[in-house]
Amino acid sequence: MENVEGKIVVVTGASSGLGAETARYLVRAGAKVALGARRKDKLDALVEELGADNAFAAQVDVTDREALAAFVTATRDTYGRIDVMLHNAGVMPFCPAGGKPP
């Protein structure tokens, strides 16, 4: 990723894995990040790691349209704009190994 310095990036699924690592990379590259995921405790720990000047977090379930809209609004209220939306959160139906999803 190039030219992210000063950009505002929304990252869903940011509480762990690729989302958290992407947020770390973006902050090191000079971006500010809005972190969304269901696990608020993990988001709060990541904000503490990245610094409150570089990141803020909101608990959000991406399957809830209103919650996602509120997250976008909170990001705009916090940073004034959004430059990039990175939808990393996944939705996976639970099913037995080898079975078909419901």
PDB file of N, CA and C in Angstrom:
ATOM      1  N   MET A   1       0.837  -1.173   0.000  1.00  0.00           N
ATOM      2  CA  MET A   1       0.000   0.000   0.000  1.00  0.00           C
ATOM      3  C   MET A   1       0.884   1.239   0.000  1.00  0.00           C
ATOM      4  N   GLU A   2       0.571   2.121  -0.891  1.00  0.00           N
ATOM      5  CA  GLU A   2       1.312   3.371  -0.986  1.00  0.00           C
ATOM      6  C   GLU A   2       0.371   4.545  -0.777  1.00  0.00           C
ATOM      7  N   ASN A   3       0.959   5.666  -0.428  1.00  0.00           N
ATOM      8  CA  ASN A   3       0.215   6.919  -0.331  1.00  0.00           C
ATOM      9  C   ASN A   3      -0.958   6.856   0.643  1.00  0.00           C
ATOM     10  N   VAL A   4      -0.762   6.224   1.786  1.00  0.00           N
ATOM     11  CA  VAL A   4      -1.828   6.188   2.778  1.00  0.00           C
ATOM     12  C   VAL A   4      -1.616   7.211   3.887  1.00  0.00           C
ATOM     13  N   GLU A   5      -0.486   7.894   3.866  1.00  0.00           N
ATOM     14  CA  GLU A   5      -0.220   8.876   4.907  1.00  0.00           C
ATOM     15  C   GLU A   5      -1.318   9.928   4.929  1.00  0.00           C
ATOM     16  N   GLY A   6      -1.894  10.129   6.117  1.00  0.00           N
ATOM     17  CA  GLY A   6      -2.951  11.109   6.281  1.00  0.00           C
ATOM     18  C   GLY A   6      -4.334  10.635   5.876  1.00  0.00           C
ATOM     19  N   LYS A   7      -4.450   9.418   5.371  1.00  0.00           N
ATOM     20  CA  LYS A   7      -5.748   8.882   4.956  1.00  0.00           C
ATOM     21  C   LYS A   7      -6.511   8.359   6.168  1.00  0.00           C
ATOM     22  N   ILE A   8      -7.824   8.340   6.049  1.00  0.00           N
ATOM     23  CA  ILE A   8      -8.711   7.782   7.060  1.00  0.00           C
ATOM     24  C   ILE A   8      -9.243   6.467   6.494  1.00  0.00           C
ATOM     25  N   VAL A   9      -8.937   5.372   7.189  1.00  0.00           N
ATOM     26  CA  VAL A   9      -9.292   4.048   6.689  1.00  0.00           C
ATOM     27  C   VAL A   9     -10.189   3.337   7.699  1.00  0.00           C
ATOM     28  N   VAL A  10     -11.327   2.863   7.239  1.00  0.00           N
ATOM     29  CA  VAL A  10     -12.234   2.055   8.042  1.00  0.00           C
ATOM     30  C   VAL A  10     -11.873   0.591   7.793  1.00  0.00           C
ATOM     31  N   VAL A  11     -11.692  -0.165   8.876  1.00  0.00           N
ATOM     32  CA  VAL A  11     -11.366  -1.588   8.761  1.00  0.00           C
ATOM     33  C   VAL A  11     -12.386  -2.377   9.572  1.00  0.00           C
ATOM     34  N   THR A  12     -13.176  -3.211   8.905  1.00  0.00           N
ATOM     35  CA  THR A  12     -14.066  -4.109   9.636  1.00  0.00           C
ATOM     36  C   THR A  12     -13.332  -5.433   9.852  1.00  0.00           C
ATOM     37  N   GLY A  13     -13.778  -6.186  10.823  1.00  0.00           N
ATOM     38  CA  GLY A  13     -13.088  -7.425  11.167  1.00  0.00           C
ATOM     39  C   GLY A  13     -11.710  -7.142  11.728  1.00  0.00           C
ATOM     40  N   ALA A  14     -11.589  -6.030  12.453  1.00  0.00           N
ATOM     41  CA  ALA A  14     -10.278  -5.534  12.869  1.00  0.00           C
ATOM     42  C   ALA A  14      -9.795  -6.078  14.204  1.00  0.00           C
ATOM     43  N   SER A  15     -10.566  -6.917  14.863  1.00  0.00           N
ATOM     44  CA  SER A  15     -10.182  -7.338  16.210  1.00  0.00           C
ATOM     45  C   SER A  15      -9.077  -8.383  16.232  1.00  0.00           C
ATOM     46  N   SER A  16      -8.799  -9.028  15.113  1.00  0.00           N
ATOM     47  CA  SER A  16      -7.743 -10.045  15.087  1.00  0.00           C
ATOM     48  C   SER A  16      -7.356 -10.347  13.639  1.00  0.00           C
ATOM     49  N   GLY A  17      -6.378 -11.206  13.495  1.00  0.00           N
ATOM     50  CA  GLY A  17      -5.995 -11.704  12.179  1.00  0.00           C
ATOM     51  C   GLY A  17      -5.592 -10.625  11.195  1.00  0.00           C
ATOM     52  N   LEU A  18      -6.032 -10.791   9.958  1.00  0.00           N
ATOM     53  CA  LEU A  18      -5.668  -9.865   8.884  1.00  0.00           C
ATOM     54  C   LEU A  18      -6.151  -8.447   9.142  1.00  0.00           C
ATOM     55  N   GLY A  19      -7.306  -8.295   9.747  1.00  0.00           N
ATOM     56  CA  GLY A  19      -7.818  -6.958  10.033  1.00  0.00           C
ATOM     57  C   GLY A  19      -6.923  -6.201  11.001  1.00  0.00           C
ATOM     58  N   ALA A  20      -6.512  -6.857  12.087  1.00  0.00           N
ATOM     59  CA  ALA A  20      -5.642  -6.214  13.075  1.00  0.00           C
ATOM     60  C   ALA A  20      -4.273  -5.921  12.474  1.00  0.00           C
ATOM     61  N   GLU A  21      -3.724  -6.857  11.722  1.00  0.00           N
ATOM     62  CA  GLU A  21      -2.403  -6.643  11.111  1.00  0.00           C
ATOM     63  C   GLU A  21      -2.457  -5.529  10.073  1.00  0.00           C
ATOM     64  N   THR A  22      -3.533  -5.456   9.330  1.00  0.00           N
ATOM     65  CA  THR A  22      -3.689  -4.373   8.356  1.00  0.00           C
ATOM     66  C   THR A  22      -3.757  -3.028   9.064  1.00  0.00           C
ATOM     67  N   ALA A  23      -4.487  -2.969  10.166  1.00  0.00           N
ATOM     68  CA  ALA A  23      -4.569  -1.723  10.934  1.00  0.00           C
ATOM     69  C   ALA A  23      -3.187  -1.306  11.428  1.00  0.00           C
ATOM     70  N   ARG A  24      -2.420  -2.252  11.919  1.00  0.00           N
ATOM     71  CA  ARG A  24      -1.061  -1.941  12.386  1.00  0.00           C
ATOM     72  C   ARG A  24      -0.212  -1.385  11.236  1.00  0.00           C
ATOM     73  N   TYR A  25      -0.291  -2.023  10.099  1.00  0.00           N
ATOM     74  CA  TYR A  25       0.469  -1.580   8.929  1.00  0.00           C
ATOM     75  C   TYR A  25       0.062  -0.170   8.522  1.00  0.00           C
ATOM     76  N   LEU A  26      -1.244   0.075   8.470  1.00  0.00           N
ATOM     77  CA  LEU A  26      -1.744   1.379   8.040  1.00  0.00           C
ATOM     78  C   LEU A  26      -1.285   2.486   8.972  1.00  0.00           C
ATOM     79  N   VAL A  27      -1.336   2.243  10.263  1.00  0.00           N
ATOM     80  CA  VAL A  27      -0.894   3.263  11.223  1.00  0.00           C
ATOM     81  C   VAL A  27       0.601   3.509  11.076  1.00  0.00           C
ATOM     82  N   ARG A  28       1.380   2.451  10.907  1.00  0.00           N
ATOM     83  CA  ARG A  28       2.829   2.640  10.691  1.00  0.00           C
ATOM     84  C   ARG A  28       3.091   3.453   9.430  1.00  0.00           C
ATOM     85  N   ALA A  29       2.203   3.340   8.434  1.00  0.00           N
ATOM     86  CA  ALA A  29       2.363   4.061   7.168  1.00  0.00           C
ATOM     87  C   ALA A  29       1.791   5.478   7.235  1.00  0.00           C
ATOM     88  N   GLY A  30       1.222   5.855   8.389  1.00  0.00           N
ATOM     89  CA  GLY A  30       0.757   7.223   8.558  1.00  0.00           C
ATOM     90  C   GLY A  30      -0.733   7.447   8.450  1.00  0.00           C
ATOM     91  N   ALA A  31      -1.510   6.397   8.312  1.00  0.00           N
ATOM     92  CA  ALA A  31      -2.963   6.538   8.235  1.00  0.00           C
ATOM     93  C   ALA A  31      -3.573   6.560   9.633  1.00  0.00           C
ATOM     94  N   LYS A  32      -4.806   7.014   9.709  1.00  0.00           N
ATOM     95  CA  LYS A  32      -5.621   6.887  10.904  1.00  0.00           C
ATOM     96  C   LYS A  32      -6.680   5.842  10.589  1.00  0.00           C
ATOM     97  N   VAL A  33      -7.006   5.013  11.585  1.00  0.00           N
ATOM     98  CA  VAL A  33      -7.917   3.909  11.326  1.00  0.00           C
ATOM     99  C   VAL A  33      -9.119   3.925  12.257  1.00  0.00           C
ATOM    100  N   ALA A  34     -10.246   3.539  11.697  1.00  0.00           N
ATOM    101  CA  ALA A  34     -11.464   3.285  12.466  1.00  0.00           C
ATOM    102  C   ALA A  34     -11.646   1.777  12.446  1.00  0.00           C
ATOM    103  N   LEU A  35     -11.669   1.180  13.622  1.00  0.00           N
ATOM    104  CA  LEU A  35     -11.678  -0.269  13.747  1.00  0.00           C
ATOM    105  C   LEU A  35     -13.045  -0.762  14.176  1.00  0.00           C
ATOM    106  N   GLY A  36     -13.601  -1.666  13.412  1.00  0.00           N
ATOM    107  CA  GLY A  36     -14.899  -2.234  13.752  1.00  0.00           C
ATOM    108  C   GLY A  36     -14.840  -3.742  13.814  1.00  0.00           C
ATOM    109  N   ALA A  37     -15.500  -4.304  14.809  1.00  0.00           N
ATOM    110  CA  ALA A  37     -15.619  -5.760  14.954  1.00  0.00           C
ATOM    111  C   ALA A  37     -16.588  -6.032  16.096  1.00  0.00           C
ATOM    112  N   ARG A  38     -16.906  -7.296  16.303  1.00  0.00           N
ATOM    113  CA  ARG A  38     -17.826  -7.657  17.382  1.00  0.00           C
ATOM    114  C   ARG A  38     -17.140  -7.704  18.741  1.00  0.00           C
ATOM    115  N   ARG A  39     -15.851  -8.017  18.777  1.00  0.00           N
ATOM    116  CA  ARG A  39     -15.147  -8.212  20.053  1.00  0.00           C
ATOM    117  C   ARG A  39     -14.510  -6.897  20.518  1.00  0.00           C
ATOM    118  N   LYS A  40     -15.278  -6.119  21.270  1.00  0.00           N
ATOM    119  CA  LYS A  40     -14.852  -4.782  21.697  1.00  0.00           C
ATOM    120  C   LYS A  40     -13.602  -4.821  22.566  1.00  0.00           C
ATOM    121  N   ASP A  41     -13.458  -5.837  23.402  1.00  0.00           N
ATOM    122  CA  ASP A  41     -12.277  -5.916  24.258  1.00  0.00           C
ATOM    123  C   ASP A  41     -11.004  -6.004  23.433  1.00  0.00           C
ATOM    124  N   LYS A  42     -11.035  -6.773  22.357  1.00  0.00           N
ATOM    125  CA  LYS A  42      -9.857  -6.883  21.487  1.00  0.00           C
ATOM    126  C   LYS A  42      -9.619  -5.594  20.712  1.00  0.00           C
ATOM    127  N   LEU A  43     -10.693  -4.939  20.292  1.00  0.00           N
ATOM    128  CA  LEU A  43     -10.554  -3.645  19.615  1.00  0.00           C
ATOM    129  C   LEU A  43      -9.929  -2.613  20.547  1.00  0.00           C
ATOM    130  N   ASP A  44     -10.400  -2.575  21.784  1.00  0.00           N
ATOM    131  CA  ASP A  44      -9.859  -1.609  22.746  1.00  0.00           C
ATOM    132  C   ASP A  44      -8.369  -1.842  22.986  1.00  0.00           C
ATOM    133  N   ALA A  45      -7.957  -3.109  23.053  1.00  0.00           N
ATOM    134  CA  ALA A  45      -6.536  -3.426  23.232  1.00  0.00           C
ATOM    135  C   ALA A  45      -5.726  -2.968  22.022  1.00  0.00           C
ATOM    136  N   LEU A  46      -6.289  -3.113  20.833  1.00  0.00           N
ATOM    137  CA  LEU A  46      -5.592  -2.683  19.622  1.00  0.00           C
ATOM    138  C   LEU A  46      -5.476  -1.159  19.565  1.00  0.00           C
ATOM    139  N   VAL A  47      -6.523  -0.453  19.968  1.00  0.00           N
ATOM    140  CA  VAL A  47      -6.453   1.006  20.018  1.00  0.00           C
ATOM    141  C   VAL A  47      -5.376   1.435  21.004  1.00  0.00           C
ATOM    142  N   GLU A  48      -5.302   0.772  22.140  1.00  0.00           N
ATOM    143  CA  GLU A  48      -4.258   1.098  23.122  1.00  0.00           C
ATOM    144  C   GLU A  48      -2.870   0.887  22.519  1.00  0.00           C
ATOM    145  N   GLU A  49      -2.708  -0.190  21.769  1.00  0.00           N
ATOM    146  CA  GLU A  49      -1.430  -0.475  21.107  1.00  0.00           C
ATOM    147  C   GLU A  49      -1.095   0.575  20.054  1.00  0.00           C
ATOM    148  N   LEU A  50      -2.077   0.958  19.251  1.00  0.00           N
ATOM    149  CA  LEU A  50      -1.849   1.877  18.135  1.00  0.00           C
ATOM    150  C   LEU A  50      -1.821   3.343  18.566  1.00  0.00           C
ATOM    151  N   GLY A  51      -2.459   3.633  19.670  1.00  0.00           N
ATOM    152  CA  GLY A  51      -2.537   5.006  20.162  1.00  0.00           C
ATOM    153  C   GLY A  51      -3.863   5.640  19.789  1.00  0.00           C
ATOM    154  N   ALA A  52      -4.464   6.297  20.768  1.00  0.00           N
ATOM    155  CA  ALA A  52      -5.781   6.909  20.561  1.00  0.00           C
ATOM    156  C   ALA A  52      -5.756   8.028  19.520  1.00  0.00           C
ATOM    157  N   ASP A  53      -4.584   8.602  19.242  1.00  0.00           N
ATOM    158  CA  ASP A  53      -4.485   9.621  18.199  1.00  0.00           C
ATOM    159  C   ASP A  53      -4.550   9.009  16.801  1.00  0.00           C
ATOM    160  N   ASN A  54      -4.283   7.706  16.709  1.00  0.00           N
ATOM    161  CA  ASN A  54      -4.215   7.028  15.414  1.00  0.00           C
ATOM    162  C   ASN A  54      -5.410   6.135  15.120  1.00  0.00           C
ATOM    163  N   ALA A  55      -6.169   5.771  16.155  1.00  0.00           N
ATOM    164  CA  ALA A  55      -7.219   4.779  15.961  1.00  0.00           C
ATOM    165  C   ALA A  55      -8.361   4.998  16.938  1.00  0.00           C
ATOM    166  N   PHE A  56      -9.546   4.633  16.490  1.00  0.00           N
ATOM    167  CA  PHE A  56     -10.669   4.523  17.413  1.00  0.00           C
ATOM    168  C   PHE A  56     -11.436   3.271  17.026  1.00  0.00           C
ATOM    169  N   ALA A  57     -12.200   2.749  17.975  1.00  0.00           N
ATOM    170  CA  ALA A  57     -12.886   1.483  17.739  1.00  0.00           C
ATOM    171  C   ALA A  57     -14.352   1.581  18.099  1.00  0.00           C
ATOM    172  N   ALA A  58     -15.136   0.786  17.400  1.00  0.00           N
ATOM    173  CA  ALA A  58     -16.562   0.674  17.699  1.00  0.00           C
ATOM    174  C   ALA A  58     -16.976  -0.776  17.507  1.00  0.00           C
ATOM    175  N   GLN A  59     -17.773  -1.258  18.440  1.00  0.00           N
ATOM    176  CA  GLN A  59     -18.299  -2.611  18.300  1.00  0.00           C
ATOM    177  C   GLN A  59     -19.357  -2.581  17.206  1.00  0.00           C
ATOM    178  N   VAL A  60     -19.213  -3.463  16.245  1.00  0.00           N
ATOM    179  CA  VAL A  60     -20.171  -3.501  15.139  1.00  0.00           C
ATOM    180  C   VAL A  60     -20.262  -4.915  14.588  1.00  0.00           C
ATOM    181  N   ASP A  61     -21.479  -5.313  14.280  1.00  0.00           N
ATOM    182  CA  ASP A  61     -21.742  -6.582  13.606  1.00  0.00           C
ATOM    183  C   ASP A  61     -22.113  -6.221  12.173  1.00  0.00           C
ATOM    184  N   VAL A  62     -21.290  -6.628  11.205  1.00  0.00           N
ATOM    185  CA  VAL A  62     -21.509  -6.201   9.823  1.00  0.00           C
ATOM    186  C   VAL A  62     -22.777  -6.780   9.204  1.00  0.00           C
ATOM    187  N   THR A  63     -23.406  -7.736   9.876  1.00  0.00           N
ATOM    188  CA  THR A  63     -24.676  -8.254   9.361  1.00  0.00           C
ATOM    189  C   THR A  63     -25.848  -7.360   9.766  1.00  0.00           C
ATOM    190  N   ASP A  64     -25.580  -6.363  10.613  1.00  0.00           N
ATOM    191  CA  ASP A  64     -26.594  -5.420  11.075  1.00  0.00           C
ATOM    192  C   ASP A  64     -26.400  -4.101  10.336  1.00  0.00           C
ATOM    193  N   ARG A  65     -27.224  -3.854   9.355  1.00  0.00           N
ATOM    194  CA  ARG A  65     -27.091  -2.672   8.490  1.00  0.00           C
ATOM    195  C   ARG A  65     -27.098  -1.367   9.286  1.00  0.00           C
ATOM    196  N   GLU A  66     -27.972  -1.258  10.263  1.00  0.00           N
ATOM    197  CA  GLU A  66     -28.044  -0.028  11.055  1.00  0.00           C
ATOM    198  C   GLU A  66     -26.782   0.166  11.893  1.00  0.00           C
ATOM    199  N   ALA A  67     -26.252  -0.906  12.462  1.00  0.00           N
ATOM    200  CA  ALA A  67     -25.022  -0.815  13.256  1.00  0.00           C
ATOM    201  C   ALA A  67     -23.851  -0.398  12.365  1.00  0.00           C
ATOM    202  N   LEU A  68     -23.798  -0.938  11.161  1.00  0.00           N
ATOM    203  CA  LEU A  68     -22.732  -0.579  10.232  1.00  0.00           C
ATOM    204  C   LEU A  68     -22.836   0.889   9.818  1.00  0.00           C
ATOM    205  N   ALA A  69     -24.053   1.355   9.571  1.00  0.00           N
ATOM    206  CA  ALA A  69     -24.259   2.769   9.231  1.00  0.00           C
ATOM    207  C   ALA A  69     -23.848   3.667  10.394  1.00  0.00           C
ATOM    208  N   ALA A  70     -24.149   3.261  11.615  1.00  0.00           N
ATOM    209  CA  ALA A  70     -23.758   4.043  12.788  1.00  0.00           C
ATOM    210  C   ALA A  70     -22.236   4.090  12.929  1.00  0.00           C
ATOM    211  N   PHE A  71     -21.561   3.004  12.595  1.00  0.00           N
ATOM    212  CA  PHE A  71     -20.098   2.959  12.631  1.00  0.00           C
ATOM    213  C   PHE A  71     -19.508   3.937  11.614  1.00  0.00           C
ATOM    214  N   VAL A  72     -20.061   3.964  10.427  1.00  0.00           N
ATOM    215  CA  VAL A  72     -19.599   4.895   9.394  1.00  0.00           C
ATOM    216  C   VAL A  72     -19.831   6.344   9.858  1.00  0.00           C
ATOM    217  N   THR A  73     -20.987   6.605  10.426  1.00  0.00           N
ATOM    218  CA  THR A  73     -21.280   7.947  10.937  1.00  0.00           C
ATOM    219  C   THR A  73     -20.314   8.329  12.054  1.00  0.00           C
ATOM    220  N   ALA A  74     -20.032   7.404  12.961  1.00  0.00           N
ATOM    221  CA  ALA A  74     -19.093   7.677  14.056  1.00  0.00           C
ATOM    222  C   ALA A  74     -17.694   7.973  13.515  1.00  0.00           C
ATOM    223  N   THR A  75     -17.311   7.279  12.452  1.00  0.00           N
ATOM    224  CA  THR A  75     -16.009   7.541  11.839  1.00  0.00           C
ATOM    225  C   THR A  75     -15.964   8.944  11.253  1.00  0.00           C
ATOM    226  N   ARG A  76     -17.007   9.323  10.538  1.00  0.00           N
ATOM    227  CA  ARG A  76     -17.061  10.681   9.975  1.00  0.00           C
ATOM    228  C   ARG A  76     -17.085  11.735  11.070  1.00  0.00           C
ATOM    229  N   ASP A  77     -17.806  11.449  12.142  1.00  0.00           N
ATOM    230  CA  ASP A  77     -17.858  12.398  13.265  1.00  0.00           C
ATOM    231  C   ASP A  77     -16.485  12.541  13.921  1.00  0.00           C
ATOM    232  N   THR A  78     -15.736  11.452  13.983  1.00  0.00           N
ATOM    233  CA  THR A  78     -14.426  11.461  14.632  1.00  0.00           C
ATOM    234  C   THR A  78     -13.359  12.105  13.759  1.00  0.00           C
ATOM    235  N   TYR A  79     -13.322  11.727  12.485  1.00  0.00           N
ATOM    236  CA  TYR A  79     -12.229  12.153  11.604  1.00  0.00           C
ATOM    237  C   TYR A  79     -12.636  13.153  10.526  1.00  0.00           C
ATOM    238  N   GLY A  80     -13.935  13.375  10.346  1.00  0.00           N
ATOM    239  CA  GLY A  80     -14.382  14.341   9.358  1.00  0.00           C
ATOM    240  C   GLY A  80     -14.594  13.782   7.965  1.00  0.00           C
ATOM    241  N   ARG A  81     -14.073  12.620   7.703  1.00  0.00           N
ATOM    242  CA  ARG A  81     -14.226  12.016   6.371  1.00  0.00           C
ATOM    243  C   ARG A  81     -13.793  10.552   6.434  1.00  0.00           C
ATOM    244  N   ILE A  82     -14.032   9.849   5.336  1.00  0.00           N
ATOM    245  CA  ILE A  82     -13.532   8.481   5.143  1.00  0.00           C
ATOM    246  C   ILE A  82     -12.896   8.450   3.767  1.00  0.00           C
ATOM    247  N   ASP A  83     -11.654   7.977   3.692  1.00  0.00           N
ATOM    248  CA  ASP A  83     -10.974   7.857   2.402  1.00  0.00           C
ATOM    249  C   ASP A  83     -11.045   6.442   1.835  1.00  0.00           C
ATOM    250  N   VAL A  84     -10.993   5.450   2.724  1.00  0.00           N
ATOM    251  CA  VAL A  84     -10.961   4.055   2.279  1.00  0.00           C
ATOM    252  C   VAL A  84     -11.812   3.213   3.222  1.00  0.00           C
ATOM    253  N   MET A  85     -12.575   2.276   2.647  1.00  0.00           N
ATOM    254  CA  MET A  85     -13.324   1.294   3.438  1.00  0.00           C
ATOM    255  C   MET A  85     -12.747  -0.082   3.112  1.00  0.00           C
ATOM    256  N   LEU A  86     -12.234  -0.751   4.117  1.00  0.00           N
ATOM    257  CA  LEU A  86     -11.681  -2.091   3.953  1.00  0.00           C
ATOM    258  C   LEU A  86     -12.592  -3.065   4.680  1.00  0.00           C
ATOM    259  N   HIS A  87     -13.402  -3.765   3.925  1.00  0.00           N
ATOM    260  CA  HIS A  87     -14.359  -4.707   4.513  1.00  0.00           C
ATOM    261  C   HIS A  87     -13.694  -6.072   4.638  1.00  0.00           C
ATOM    262  N   ASN A  88     -13.118  -6.302   5.798  1.00  0.00           N
ATOM    263  CA  ASN A  88     -12.390  -7.530   6.072  1.00  0.00           C
ATOM    264  C   ASN A  88     -13.236  -8.531   6.847  1.00  0.00           C
ATOM    265  N   ALA A  89     -14.311  -8.085   7.481  1.00  0.00           N
ATOM    266  CA  ALA A  89     -15.135  -8.980   8.291  1.00  0.00           C
ATOM    267  C   ALA A  89     -15.779 -10.022   7.395  1.00  0.00           C
ATOM    268  N   GLY A  90     -15.833 -11.227   7.906  1.00  0.00           N
ATOM    269  CA  GLY A  90     -16.446 -12.312   7.151  1.00  0.00           C
ATOM    270  C   GLY A  90     -17.659 -12.845   7.874  1.00  0.00           C
ATOM    271  N   VAL A  91     -18.554 -13.370   7.120  1.00  0.00           N
ATOM    272  CA  VAL A  91     -19.731 -14.020   7.667  1.00  0.00           C
ATOM    273  C   VAL A  91     -19.681 -15.460   7.185  1.00  0.00           C
ATOM    274  N   MET A  92     -19.676 -16.375   8.147  1.00  0.00           N
ATOM    275  CA  MET A  92     -19.578 -17.781   7.776  1.00  0.00           C
ATOM    276  C   MET A  92     -20.659 -18.557   8.511  1.00  0.00           C
ATOM    277  N   PRO A  93     -21.570 -19.191   7.775  1.00  0.00           N
ATOM    278  CA  PRO A  93     -22.561 -20.009   8.451  1.00  0.00           C
ATOM    279  C   PRO A  93     -21.891 -21.238   9.086  1.00  0.00           C
ATOM    280  N   PHE A  94     -22.378 -21.612  10.239  1.00  0.00           N
ATOM    281  CA  PHE A  94     -21.834 -22.787  10.927  1.00  0.00           C
ATOM    282  C   PHE A  94     -22.488 -24.047  10.388  1.00  0.00           C
ATOM    283  N   CYS A  95     -21.665 -25.055  10.138  1.00  0.00           N
ATOM    284  CA  CYS A  95     -22.179 -26.331   9.690  1.00  0.00           C
ATOM    285  C   CYS A  95     -21.180 -27.415  10.052  1.00  0.00           C
ATOM    286  N   PRO A  96     -21.617 -28.659  10.132  1.00  0.00           N
ATOM    287  CA  PRO A  96     -20.687 -29.737  10.440  1.00  0.00           C
ATOM    288  C   PRO A  96     -19.626 -29.875   9.337  1.00  0.00           C
ATOM    289  N   ALA A  97     -18.460 -30.356   9.702  1.00  0.00           N
ATOM    290  CA  ALA A  97     -17.393 -30.555   8.706  1.00  0.00           C
ATOM    291  C   ALA A  97     -17.915 -31.412   7.580  1.00  0.00           C
ATOM    292  N   GLY A  98     -17.741 -30.935   6.370  1.00  0.00           N
ATOM    293  CA  GLY A  98     -18.188 -31.682   5.196  1.00  0.00           C
ATOM    294  C   GLY A  98     -19.646 -31.497   4.886  1.00  0.00           C
ATOM    295  N   GLY A  99     -20.381 -30.841   5.776  1.00  0.00           N
ATOM    296  CA  GLY A  99     -21.801 -30.623   5.555  1.00  0.00           C
ATOM    297  C   GLY A  99     -22.062 -29.399   4.714  1.00  0.00           C
ATOM    298  N   LYS A 100     -23.290 -29.178   4.405  1.00  0.00           N
ATOM    299  CA  LYS A 100     -23.670 -28.000   3.641  1.00  0.00           C
ATOM    300  C   LYS A 100     -24.170 -26.922   4.602  1.00  0.00           C
ATOM    301  N   PRO A 101     -23.822 -25.650   4.320  1.00  0.00           N
ATOM    302  CA  PRO A 101     -24.337 -24.571   5.159  1.00  0.00           C
ATOM    303  C   PRO A 101     -25.850 -24.535   5.111  1.00  0.00           C
ATOM    304  N   PRO A 102     -26.457 -24.047   6.195  1.00  0.00           N
ATOM    305  CA  PRO A 102     -27.936 -23.982   6.202  1.00  0.00           C
ATOM    306  C   PRO A 102     -28.463 -23.020   5.171  1.00  0.00           C
TER     307      PRO A 102
END
